[in-house]
Amino acid sequence: MRQRFDFDDRLQARTALLAVSRSTLRNQGAPGVVAAARKYLRSINLSKFSVHTRAEFEAVLEKHTRLLMRRFPKKVKENWGAARKALNIFLRDVVYLRPLSARYRLSQLTPWLELPLDRNAYDGLVKDSRRGDDVPSWPGIKALDPKVSAELQTFADTMAKRLSTCRVHLDVRYWRKASIDDLEG
């Protein structure tokens, strides 16, 4: 009997593996965080994110943030910031991948997707800010909570509008401290 090759399943698994690397969630408090995140992201039913409003998207995103937190090792179960960062990077990558985005009708999510928050993203927001911009303080991933995240996402919206883009795309701008051109050598 011939086995069926499920392209979408394999592509989702690959995306989860690449989206959450050791560096994505380093120093988050316990071994096993990366493996737990990858396993969870691989299992998500992406059709649940095919919603019609930003409020619906935010509710599904928060639900999955909480579910992922519960999958983390015991010492890390309260790390909302790590769960949200992993989900945001994964969802960004899924939307960027035409086969998954088309299959689950997710391209409409782009304006609602969050900037995956970490130190590089925060430093980028600060650098892009103008005098008088009140950049919320960066608490670090471990201390990031929904309130501070919302403040930073609102600020990211402002920066994205100035740059004529969506806030999720700012991650490409802020991804590394070194210029992408410098990495090509």
N, C-alpha and C. Protein backbone atom coordinates (compact mmCIF):
# COMPACT_ATOMS: atom_id res chain seq x y z
N MET A 1 0.84 -1.18 0.00
CA MET A 1 0.00 0.00 0.00
C MET A 1 0.89 1.25 0.00
N ARG A 2 0.58 2.18 -0.83
CA ARG A 2 1.36 3.40 -0.97
C ARG A 2 0.91 4.42 0.07
N GLN A 3 1.89 5.03 0.75
CA GLN A 3 1.57 6.07 1.72
C GLN A 3 1.25 7.37 1.00
N ARG A 4 0.34 8.11 1.56
CA ARG A 4 -0.04 9.42 1.03
C ARG A 4 0.94 10.47 1.54
N PHE A 5 1.37 11.36 0.66
CA PHE A 5 2.25 12.46 1.04
C PHE A 5 1.38 13.69 1.27
N ASP A 6 1.34 14.16 2.49
CA ASP A 6 0.53 15.34 2.84
C ASP A 6 1.44 16.56 2.81
N PHE A 7 1.46 17.22 1.66
CA PHE A 7 2.33 18.37 1.45
C PHE A 7 2.09 19.47 2.48
N ASP A 8 0.82 19.82 2.72
CA ASP A 8 0.51 20.90 3.64
C ASP A 8 1.00 20.59 5.05
N ASP A 9 0.81 19.35 5.49
CA ASP A 9 1.27 18.95 6.82
C ASP A 9 2.78 19.05 6.92
N ARG A 10 3.49 18.56 5.91
CA ARG A 10 4.96 18.62 5.93
C ARG A 10 5.45 20.06 5.85
N LEU A 11 4.77 20.89 5.07
CA LEU A 11 5.19 22.29 4.96
C LEU A 11 4.94 23.02 6.29
N GLN A 12 3.84 22.72 6.95
CA GLN A 12 3.58 23.32 8.26
C GLN A 12 4.63 22.86 9.27
N ALA A 13 4.98 21.58 9.26
CA ALA A 13 6.02 21.07 10.17
C ALA A 13 7.36 21.74 9.90
N ARG A 14 7.71 21.88 8.64
CA ARG A 14 8.97 22.54 8.26
C ARG A 14 8.97 23.99 8.70
N THR A 15 7.86 24.65 8.52
CA THR A 15 7.74 26.06 8.91
C THR A 15 7.89 26.21 10.42
N ALA A 16 7.28 25.33 11.19
CA ALA A 16 7.42 25.37 12.64
C ALA A 16 8.87 25.16 13.05
N LEU A 17 9.53 24.22 12.40
CA LEU A 17 10.93 23.92 12.71
C LEU A 17 11.84 25.12 12.41
N LEU A 18 11.63 25.75 11.27
CA LEU A 18 12.48 26.88 10.89
C LEU A 18 12.12 28.17 11.64
N ALA A 19 10.85 28.35 11.95
CA ALA A 19 10.42 29.59 12.62
C ALA A 19 10.95 29.68 14.04
N VAL A 20 10.99 28.56 14.73
CA VAL A 20 11.40 28.56 16.14
C VAL A 20 12.73 27.82 16.25
N SER A 21 13.79 28.59 16.17
CA SER A 21 15.13 28.03 16.31
C SER A 21 15.58 28.17 17.76
N ARG A 22 16.74 27.64 18.05
CA ARG A 22 17.27 27.79 19.42
C ARG A 22 17.45 29.26 19.78
N SER A 23 17.86 30.07 18.80
CA SER A 23 18.07 31.49 19.10
C SER A 23 16.75 32.23 19.29
N THR A 24 15.67 31.74 18.70
CA THR A 24 14.37 32.40 18.84
C THR A 24 13.92 32.46 20.29
N LEU A 25 14.14 31.36 21.01
CA LEU A 25 13.67 31.27 22.39
C LEU A 25 14.80 30.99 23.38
N ARG A 26 15.98 31.45 23.07
CA ARG A 26 17.11 31.20 23.99
C ARG A 26 16.89 31.92 25.33
N ASN A 27 17.40 31.32 26.37
CA ASN A 27 17.36 31.88 27.73
C ASN A 27 15.95 32.12 28.25
N GLN A 28 15.04 31.25 27.92
CA GLN A 28 13.65 31.43 28.38
C GLN A 28 13.32 30.65 29.64
N GLY A 29 14.31 30.02 30.26
CA GLY A 29 14.07 29.49 31.59
C GLY A 29 14.14 28.00 31.79
N ALA A 30 14.10 27.22 30.72
CA ALA A 30 14.16 25.76 30.90
C ALA A 30 14.45 25.10 29.56
N PRO A 31 15.15 23.98 29.61
CA PRO A 31 15.32 23.22 28.37
C PRO A 31 13.97 22.67 27.91
N GLY A 32 13.83 22.47 26.62
CA GLY A 32 12.60 21.91 26.09
C GLY A 32 11.61 22.92 25.58
N VAL A 33 11.88 24.21 25.75
CA VAL A 33 10.95 25.25 25.29
C VAL A 33 10.84 25.22 23.76
N VAL A 34 11.95 25.14 23.08
CA VAL A 34 11.95 25.14 21.61
C VAL A 34 11.19 23.92 21.09
N ALA A 35 11.49 22.75 21.63
CA ALA A 35 10.82 21.53 21.17
C ALA A 35 9.31 21.60 21.42
N ALA A 36 8.91 22.11 22.56
CA ALA A 36 7.48 22.23 22.88
C ALA A 36 6.79 23.19 21.92
N ALA A 37 7.44 24.31 21.63
CA ALA A 37 6.86 25.30 20.71
C ALA A 37 6.72 24.70 19.32
N ARG A 38 7.77 24.05 18.84
CA ARG A 38 7.72 23.46 17.50
C ARG A 38 6.62 22.42 17.40
N LYS A 39 6.51 21.58 18.40
CA LYS A 39 5.49 20.52 18.39
C LYS A 39 4.09 21.13 18.38
N TYR A 40 3.88 22.15 19.19
CA TYR A 40 2.58 22.79 19.24
C TYR A 40 2.24 23.47 17.91
N LEU A 41 3.17 24.26 17.38
CA LEU A 41 2.93 24.99 16.14
C LEU A 41 2.65 24.04 14.97
N ARG A 42 3.32 22.92 15.00
CA ARG A 42 3.11 21.91 13.97
C ARG A 42 1.68 21.36 14.02
N SER A 43 1.10 21.33 15.20
CA SER A 43 -0.22 20.71 15.36
C SER A 43 -1.40 21.67 15.21
N ILE A 44 -1.13 22.95 15.12
CA ILE A 44 -2.22 23.94 15.03
C ILE A 44 -3.06 23.70 13.78
N ASN A 45 -4.36 23.79 13.96
CA ASN A 45 -5.27 23.77 12.83
C ASN A 45 -5.31 25.20 12.27
N LEU A 46 -4.58 25.43 11.21
CA LEU A 46 -4.45 26.78 10.67
C LEU A 46 -5.76 27.38 10.19
N SER A 47 -6.73 26.56 9.88
CA SER A 47 -8.02 27.09 9.43
C SER A 47 -8.70 27.91 10.53
N LYS A 48 -8.33 27.70 11.79
CA LYS A 48 -8.91 28.48 12.89
C LYS A 48 -8.51 29.95 12.80
N PHE A 49 -7.43 30.23 12.07
CA PHE A 49 -6.97 31.61 11.91
C PHE A 49 -7.61 32.30 10.70
N SER A 50 -8.39 31.56 9.94
CA SER A 50 -9.07 32.14 8.78
C SER A 50 -10.34 32.84 9.27
N VAL A 51 -10.15 34.05 9.73
CA VAL A 51 -11.22 34.84 10.35
C VAL A 51 -11.48 36.10 9.52
N HIS A 52 -12.52 36.83 9.89
CA HIS A 52 -12.93 37.97 9.07
C HIS A 52 -12.65 39.34 9.69
N THR A 53 -12.34 39.36 10.98
CA THR A 53 -12.09 40.66 11.62
C THR A 53 -10.83 40.59 12.48
N ARG A 54 -10.29 41.76 12.73
CA ARG A 54 -9.12 41.86 13.58
C ARG A 54 -9.43 41.36 14.99
N ALA A 55 -10.60 41.66 15.51
CA ALA A 55 -10.98 41.20 16.85
C ALA A 55 -11.02 39.68 16.92
N GLU A 56 -11.55 39.05 15.88
CA GLU A 56 -11.56 37.58 15.84
C GLU A 56 -10.14 37.03 15.80
N PHE A 57 -9.29 37.66 14.99
CA PHE A 57 -7.89 37.23 14.91
C PHE A 57 -7.21 37.36 16.27
N GLU A 58 -7.38 38.49 16.92
CA GLU A 58 -6.74 38.70 18.22
C GLU A 58 -7.22 37.70 19.25
N ALA A 59 -8.49 37.31 19.20
CA ALA A 59 -9.02 36.31 20.13
C ALA A 59 -8.40 34.94 19.87
N VAL A 60 -8.28 34.56 18.61
CA VAL A 60 -7.67 33.26 18.27
C VAL A 60 -6.19 33.27 18.64
N LEU A 61 -5.51 34.38 18.37
CA LEU A 61 -4.09 34.49 18.70
C LEU A 61 -3.88 34.37 20.21
N GLU A 62 -4.70 35.03 20.99
CA GLU A 62 -4.57 34.96 22.45
C GLU A 62 -4.86 33.55 22.95
N LYS A 63 -5.88 32.92 22.39
CA LYS A 63 -6.21 31.54 22.79
C LYS A 63 -5.01 30.63 22.55
N HIS A 64 -4.40 30.74 21.38
CA HIS A 64 -3.26 29.88 21.07
C HIS A 64 -2.01 30.25 21.86
N THR A 65 -1.88 31.51 22.22
CA THR A 65 -0.76 31.90 23.09
C THR A 65 -0.89 31.18 24.42
N ARG A 66 -2.08 31.17 24.98
CA ARG A 66 -2.33 30.49 26.28
C ARG A 66 -2.16 28.98 26.16
N LEU A 67 -2.64 28.41 25.06
CA LEU A 67 -2.49 26.96 24.87
C LEU A 67 -1.03 26.57 24.73
N LEU A 68 -0.26 27.37 24.00
CA LEU A 68 1.17 27.09 23.86
C LEU A 68 1.88 27.21 25.20
N MET A 69 1.55 28.21 25.99
CA MET A 69 2.16 28.35 27.32
C MET A 69 1.98 27.07 28.14
N ARG A 70 0.81 26.46 28.05
CA ARG A 70 0.54 25.24 28.82
C ARG A 70 1.39 24.06 28.35
N ARG A 71 1.89 24.13 27.14
CA ARG A 71 2.75 23.05 26.61
C ARG A 71 4.21 23.22 27.00
N PHE A 72 4.57 24.41 27.48
CA PHE A 72 5.95 24.66 27.86
C PHE A 72 6.33 23.84 29.09
N PRO A 73 7.64 23.60 29.29
CA PRO A 73 8.09 22.95 30.52
C PRO A 73 7.62 23.72 31.75
N LYS A 74 7.51 23.04 32.85
CA LYS A 74 6.93 23.58 34.09
C LYS A 74 7.46 24.96 34.46
N LYS A 75 8.77 25.16 34.42
CA LYS A 75 9.37 26.44 34.83
C LYS A 75 9.02 27.60 33.91
N VAL A 76 8.50 27.30 32.73
CA VAL A 76 8.29 28.32 31.72
C VAL A 76 6.80 28.54 31.41
N LYS A 77 5.93 27.85 32.08
CA LYS A 77 4.49 27.89 31.76
C LYS A 77 3.87 29.29 31.89
N GLU A 78 4.51 30.20 32.57
CA GLU A 78 3.98 31.56 32.72
C GLU A 78 4.61 32.54 31.74
N ASN A 79 5.42 32.04 30.80
CA ASN A 79 6.15 32.91 29.88
C ASN A 79 5.29 33.25 28.66
N TRP A 80 4.42 34.23 28.84
CA TRP A 80 3.53 34.68 27.78
C TRP A 80 4.34 35.23 26.60
N GLY A 81 5.40 35.97 26.88
CA GLY A 81 6.20 36.61 25.83
C GLY A 81 6.83 35.60 24.88
N ALA A 82 7.35 34.50 25.43
CA ALA A 82 7.97 33.47 24.58
C ALA A 82 6.93 32.80 23.70
N ALA A 83 5.76 32.51 24.27
CA ALA A 83 4.70 31.88 23.49
C ALA A 83 4.23 32.81 22.38
N ARG A 84 4.05 34.06 22.69
CA ARG A 84 3.56 35.02 21.69
C ARG A 84 4.59 35.22 20.59
N LYS A 85 5.86 35.34 20.96
CA LYS A 85 6.91 35.52 19.96
C LYS A 85 6.94 34.33 19.00
N ALA A 86 6.90 33.12 19.53
CA ALA A 86 6.93 31.92 18.69
C ALA A 86 5.73 31.90 17.74
N LEU A 87 4.55 32.18 18.25
CA LEU A 87 3.35 32.20 17.41
C LEU A 87 3.43 33.28 16.34
N ASN A 88 3.90 34.46 16.71
CA ASN A 88 3.98 35.56 15.74
C ASN A 88 4.95 35.26 14.61
N ILE A 89 6.10 34.69 14.94
CA ILE A 89 7.06 34.35 13.89
C ILE A 89 6.49 33.25 12.99
N PHE A 90 5.91 32.24 13.60
CA PHE A 90 5.32 31.14 12.85
C PHE A 90 4.21 31.64 11.92
N LEU A 91 3.28 32.43 12.44
CA LEU A 91 2.18 32.92 11.62
C LEU A 91 2.67 33.82 10.49
N ARG A 92 3.67 34.64 10.78
CA ARG A 92 4.25 35.48 9.72
C ARG A 92 4.79 34.59 8.61
N ASP A 93 5.54 33.56 8.99
CA ASP A 93 6.12 32.67 7.98
C ASP A 93 5.04 31.92 7.20
N VAL A 94 3.99 31.50 7.88
CA VAL A 94 2.88 30.81 7.20
C VAL A 94 2.24 31.74 6.18
N VAL A 95 1.99 32.98 6.56
CA VAL A 95 1.37 33.93 5.64
C VAL A 95 2.32 34.23 4.46
N TYR A 96 3.62 34.24 4.72
CA TYR A 96 4.58 34.48 3.65
C TYR A 96 4.68 33.29 2.68
N LEU A 97 4.27 32.12 3.11
CA LEU A 97 4.34 30.92 2.26
C LEU A 97 3.05 30.77 1.46
N ARG A 98 3.12 30.96 0.19
CA ARG A 98 1.92 30.94 -0.65
C ARG A 98 1.09 29.67 -0.50
N PRO A 99 1.68 28.46 -0.52
CA PRO A 99 0.81 27.28 -0.43
C PRO A 99 -0.02 27.22 0.86
N LEU A 100 0.58 27.51 2.00
CA LEU A 100 -0.18 27.46 3.25
C LEU A 100 -1.14 28.64 3.35
N SER A 101 -0.68 29.79 2.96
CA SER A 101 -1.53 30.98 3.03
C SER A 101 -2.77 30.81 2.15
N ALA A 102 -2.59 30.29 0.96
CA ALA A 102 -3.72 30.08 0.05
C ALA A 102 -4.62 28.96 0.55
N ARG A 103 -4.03 27.87 0.98
CA ARG A 103 -4.81 26.71 1.44
C ARG A 103 -5.76 27.07 2.58
N TYR A 104 -5.28 27.89 3.51
CA TYR A 104 -6.07 28.24 4.70
C TYR A 104 -6.67 29.65 4.63
N ARG A 105 -6.54 30.30 3.48
CA ARG A 105 -7.09 31.64 3.26
C ARG A 105 -6.62 32.60 4.37
N LEU A 106 -5.31 32.78 4.46
CA LEU A 106 -4.73 33.58 5.54
C LEU A 106 -4.11 34.90 5.08
N SER A 107 -4.11 35.18 3.79
CA SER A 107 -3.44 36.40 3.33
C SER A 107 -4.08 37.66 3.92
N GLN A 108 -5.37 37.60 4.26
CA GLN A 108 -6.04 38.77 4.83
C GLN A 108 -5.52 39.10 6.23
N LEU A 109 -4.74 38.21 6.83
CA LEU A 109 -4.22 38.45 8.18
C LEU A 109 -3.08 39.46 8.21
N THR A 110 -2.43 39.70 7.10
CA THR A 110 -1.21 40.52 7.08
C THR A 110 -1.34 41.82 7.86
N PRO A 111 -2.38 42.63 7.68
CA PRO A 111 -2.43 43.88 8.45
C PRO A 111 -2.66 43.69 9.94
N TRP A 112 -3.10 42.51 10.35
CA TRP A 112 -3.38 42.25 11.77
C TRP A 112 -2.23 41.55 12.48
N LEU A 113 -1.33 40.93 11.71
CA LEU A 113 -0.22 40.20 12.33
C LEU A 113 0.64 41.15 13.15
N GLU A 114 1.14 40.64 14.25
CA GLU A 114 1.97 41.45 15.15
C GLU A 114 3.43 41.38 14.76
N LEU A 115 4.16 42.40 15.14
CA LEU A 115 5.61 42.37 15.06
C LEU A 115 6.10 41.40 16.13
N PRO A 116 6.83 40.34 15.77
CA PRO A 116 7.38 39.46 16.80
C PRO A 116 8.35 40.26 17.67
N LEU A 117 8.04 40.35 18.95
CA LEU A 117 8.81 41.22 19.84
C LEU A 117 9.99 40.49 20.47
N ASP A 118 11.14 41.13 20.37
CA ASP A 118 12.36 40.71 21.05
C ASP A 118 13.25 41.94 21.13
N ARG A 119 14.45 41.77 21.62
CA ARG A 119 15.34 42.92 21.81
C ARG A 119 15.67 43.61 20.48
N ASN A 120 15.90 42.82 19.43
CA ASN A 120 16.22 43.41 18.13
C ASN A 120 15.05 44.25 17.61
N ALA A 121 13.83 43.72 17.75
CA ALA A 121 12.66 44.47 17.30
C ALA A 121 12.51 45.76 18.11
N TYR A 122 12.70 45.64 19.42
CA TYR A 122 12.58 46.82 20.26
C TYR A 122 13.63 47.87 19.89
N ASP A 123 14.88 47.45 19.73
CA ASP A 123 15.94 48.39 19.35
C ASP A 123 15.64 49.04 18.00
N GLY A 124 15.05 48.28 17.08
CA GLY A 124 14.66 48.84 15.79
C GLY A 124 13.58 49.89 15.93
N LEU A 125 12.59 49.62 16.78
CA LEU A 125 11.53 50.61 17.02
C LEU A 125 12.11 51.89 17.60
N VAL A 126 13.02 51.75 18.54
CA VAL A 126 13.65 52.92 19.15
C VAL A 126 14.43 53.71 18.10
N LYS A 127 15.18 53.00 17.28
CA LYS A 127 15.98 53.66 16.25
C LYS A 127 15.09 54.40 15.24
N ASP A 128 13.97 53.79 14.88
CA ASP A 128 13.06 54.41 13.92
C ASP A 128 12.20 55.52 14.52
N SER A 129 12.13 55.58 15.84
CA SER A 129 11.27 56.58 16.47
C SER A 129 11.85 57.97 16.28
N ARG A 130 10.98 58.93 16.35
CA ARG A 130 11.40 60.32 16.23
C ARG A 130 11.42 60.94 17.61
N ARG A 131 12.08 62.05 17.73
CA ARG A 131 12.04 62.77 19.01
C ARG A 131 10.60 63.04 19.38
N GLY A 132 10.30 62.86 20.61
CA GLY A 132 8.94 63.06 21.06
C GLY A 132 8.12 61.79 21.07
N ASP A 133 8.58 60.76 20.32
CA ASP A 133 7.89 59.47 20.37
C ASP A 133 8.15 58.84 21.73
N ASP A 134 7.11 58.39 22.34
CA ASP A 134 7.23 57.78 23.66
C ASP A 134 7.23 56.27 23.49
N VAL A 135 8.42 55.69 23.32
CA VAL A 135 8.54 54.25 23.15
C VAL A 135 8.35 53.58 24.51
N PRO A 136 7.37 52.67 24.61
CA PRO A 136 7.21 51.96 25.88
C PRO A 136 8.50 51.23 26.26
N SER A 137 8.74 51.04 27.52
CA SER A 137 9.95 50.35 27.98
C SER A 137 9.92 48.88 27.59
N TRP A 138 11.11 48.34 27.35
CA TRP A 138 11.24 46.93 27.01
C TRP A 138 11.49 46.12 28.28
N PRO A 139 10.58 45.19 28.62
CA PRO A 139 10.75 44.41 29.84
C PRO A 139 11.55 43.12 29.64
N GLY A 140 11.80 42.75 28.39
CA GLY A 140 12.41 41.46 28.08
C GLY A 140 11.30 40.45 27.79
N ILE A 141 11.64 39.41 27.07
CA ILE A 141 10.65 38.41 26.67
C ILE A 141 9.99 37.77 27.89
N LYS A 142 10.78 37.39 28.88
CA LYS A 142 10.23 36.68 30.04
C LYS A 142 9.20 37.51 30.80
N ALA A 143 9.36 38.81 30.82
CA ALA A 143 8.44 39.68 31.56
C ALA A 143 7.37 40.32 30.68
N LEU A 144 7.42 40.05 29.38
CA LEU A 144 6.44 40.63 28.47
C LEU A 144 5.04 40.10 28.80
N ASP A 145 4.09 41.00 28.89
CA ASP A 145 2.72 40.60 29.19
C ASP A 145 1.79 41.22 28.14
N PRO A 146 0.52 40.84 28.14
CA PRO A 146 -0.40 41.37 27.11
C PRO A 146 -0.49 42.89 27.08
N LYS A 147 -0.45 43.55 28.23
CA LYS A 147 -0.58 45.00 28.28
C LYS A 147 0.62 45.69 27.61
N VAL A 148 1.82 45.30 28.00
CA VAL A 148 3.03 45.92 27.42
C VAL A 148 3.13 45.55 25.94
N SER A 149 2.80 44.32 25.61
CA SER A 149 2.83 43.91 24.21
C SER A 149 1.89 44.77 23.38
N ALA A 150 0.68 45.01 23.87
CA ALA A 150 -0.29 45.84 23.14
C ALA A 150 0.26 47.25 22.93
N GLU A 151 0.90 47.80 23.95
CA GLU A 151 1.49 49.14 23.82
C GLU A 151 2.58 49.16 22.75
N LEU A 152 3.43 48.13 22.76
CA LEU A 152 4.50 48.06 21.78
C LEU A 152 3.94 47.80 20.37
N GLN A 153 2.87 47.01 20.27
CA GLN A 153 2.27 46.76 18.96
C GLN A 153 1.63 48.04 18.40
N THR A 154 1.02 48.83 19.26
CA THR A 154 0.46 50.11 18.83
C THR A 154 1.58 51.02 18.32
N PHE A 155 2.69 51.04 19.05
CA PHE A 155 3.83 51.83 18.62
C PHE A 155 4.37 51.30 17.29
N ALA A 156 4.44 49.98 17.14
CA ALA A 156 4.90 49.37 15.89
C ALA A 156 3.98 49.76 14.73
N ASP A 157 2.68 49.83 14.99
CA ASP A 157 1.73 50.30 13.97
C ASP A 157 2.10 51.69 13.48
N THR A 158 2.43 52.58 14.42
CA THR A 158 2.81 53.95 14.07
C THR A 158 4.06 53.95 13.20
N MET A 159 5.07 53.17 13.59
CA MET A 159 6.31 53.11 12.81
C MET A 159 6.04 52.52 11.43
N ALA A 160 5.22 51.49 11.37
CA ALA A 160 4.92 50.85 10.09
C ALA A 160 4.21 51.81 9.14
N LYS A 161 3.28 52.59 9.68
CA LYS A 161 2.58 53.57 8.83
C LYS A 161 3.55 54.59 8.27
N ARG A 162 4.50 55.02 9.09
CA ARG A 162 5.51 55.98 8.61
C ARG A 162 6.33 55.39 7.46
N LEU A 163 6.51 54.07 7.50
CA LEU A 163 7.33 53.39 6.49
C LEU A 163 6.47 52.78 5.38
N SER A 164 5.16 53.06 5.39
CA SER A 164 4.22 52.55 4.39
C SER A 164 4.24 51.02 4.28
N THR A 165 4.13 50.38 5.43
CA THR A 165 4.12 48.92 5.46
C THR A 165 3.22 48.44 6.59
N CYS A 166 3.20 47.16 6.84
CA CYS A 166 2.48 46.58 7.97
C CYS A 166 3.47 46.25 9.07
N ARG A 167 3.02 46.29 10.31
CA ARG A 167 3.94 46.10 11.43
C ARG A 167 4.65 44.75 11.39
N VAL A 168 4.02 43.70 10.92
CA VAL A 168 4.69 42.39 10.85
C VAL A 168 5.93 42.45 9.97
N HIS A 169 5.88 43.26 8.91
CA HIS A 169 7.01 43.37 7.99
C HIS A 169 8.21 44.07 8.62
N LEU A 170 7.99 44.79 9.71
CA LEU A 170 9.12 45.43 10.39
C LEU A 170 10.12 44.41 10.91
N ASP A 171 9.68 43.17 11.14
CA ASP A 171 10.60 42.14 11.61
C ASP A 171 11.71 41.89 10.60
N VAL A 172 11.39 42.01 9.32
CA VAL A 172 12.41 41.86 8.30
C VAL A 172 13.42 43.01 8.40
N ARG A 173 12.94 44.20 8.71
CA ARG A 173 13.80 45.37 8.88
C ARG A 173 14.69 45.25 10.12
N TYR A 174 14.14 44.70 11.19
CA TYR A 174 14.84 44.67 12.48
C TYR A 174 15.52 43.34 12.79
N TRP A 175 15.41 42.38 11.91
CA TRP A 175 15.81 41.00 12.18
C TRP A 175 17.20 40.84 12.76
N ARG A 176 18.17 41.48 12.25
CA ARG A 176 19.54 41.38 12.75
C ARG A 176 20.10 42.77 12.97
N LYS A 177 20.99 42.86 13.94
CA LYS A 177 21.63 44.16 14.16
C LYS A 177 22.56 44.50 13.01
N ALA A 178 23.20 43.48 12.45
CA ALA A 178 24.07 43.70 11.30
C ALA A 178 23.19 43.80 10.05
N SER A 179 23.65 44.55 9.09
CA SER A 179 22.93 44.69 7.83
C SER A 179 22.86 43.34 7.13
N ILE A 180 21.74 43.07 6.47
CA ILE A 180 21.62 41.83 5.71
C ILE A 180 22.72 41.78 4.65
N ASP A 181 23.04 42.92 4.05
CA ASP A 181 24.10 42.95 3.06
C ASP A 181 25.43 42.49 3.66
N ASP A 182 25.68 42.79 4.94
CA ASP A 182 26.91 42.37 5.59
C ASP A 182 26.95 40.87 5.83
N LEU A 183 25.81 40.22 5.85
CA LEU A 183 25.75 38.77 6.10
C LEU A 183 26.03 37.94 4.85
N GLU A 184 26.00 38.58 3.70
CA GLU A 184 26.16 37.85 2.45
C GLU A 184 27.60 37.49 2.13
N GLY A 185 28.57 37.98 2.88
CA GLY A 185 29.99 37.76 2.59
C GLY A 185 30.46 36.43 2.76
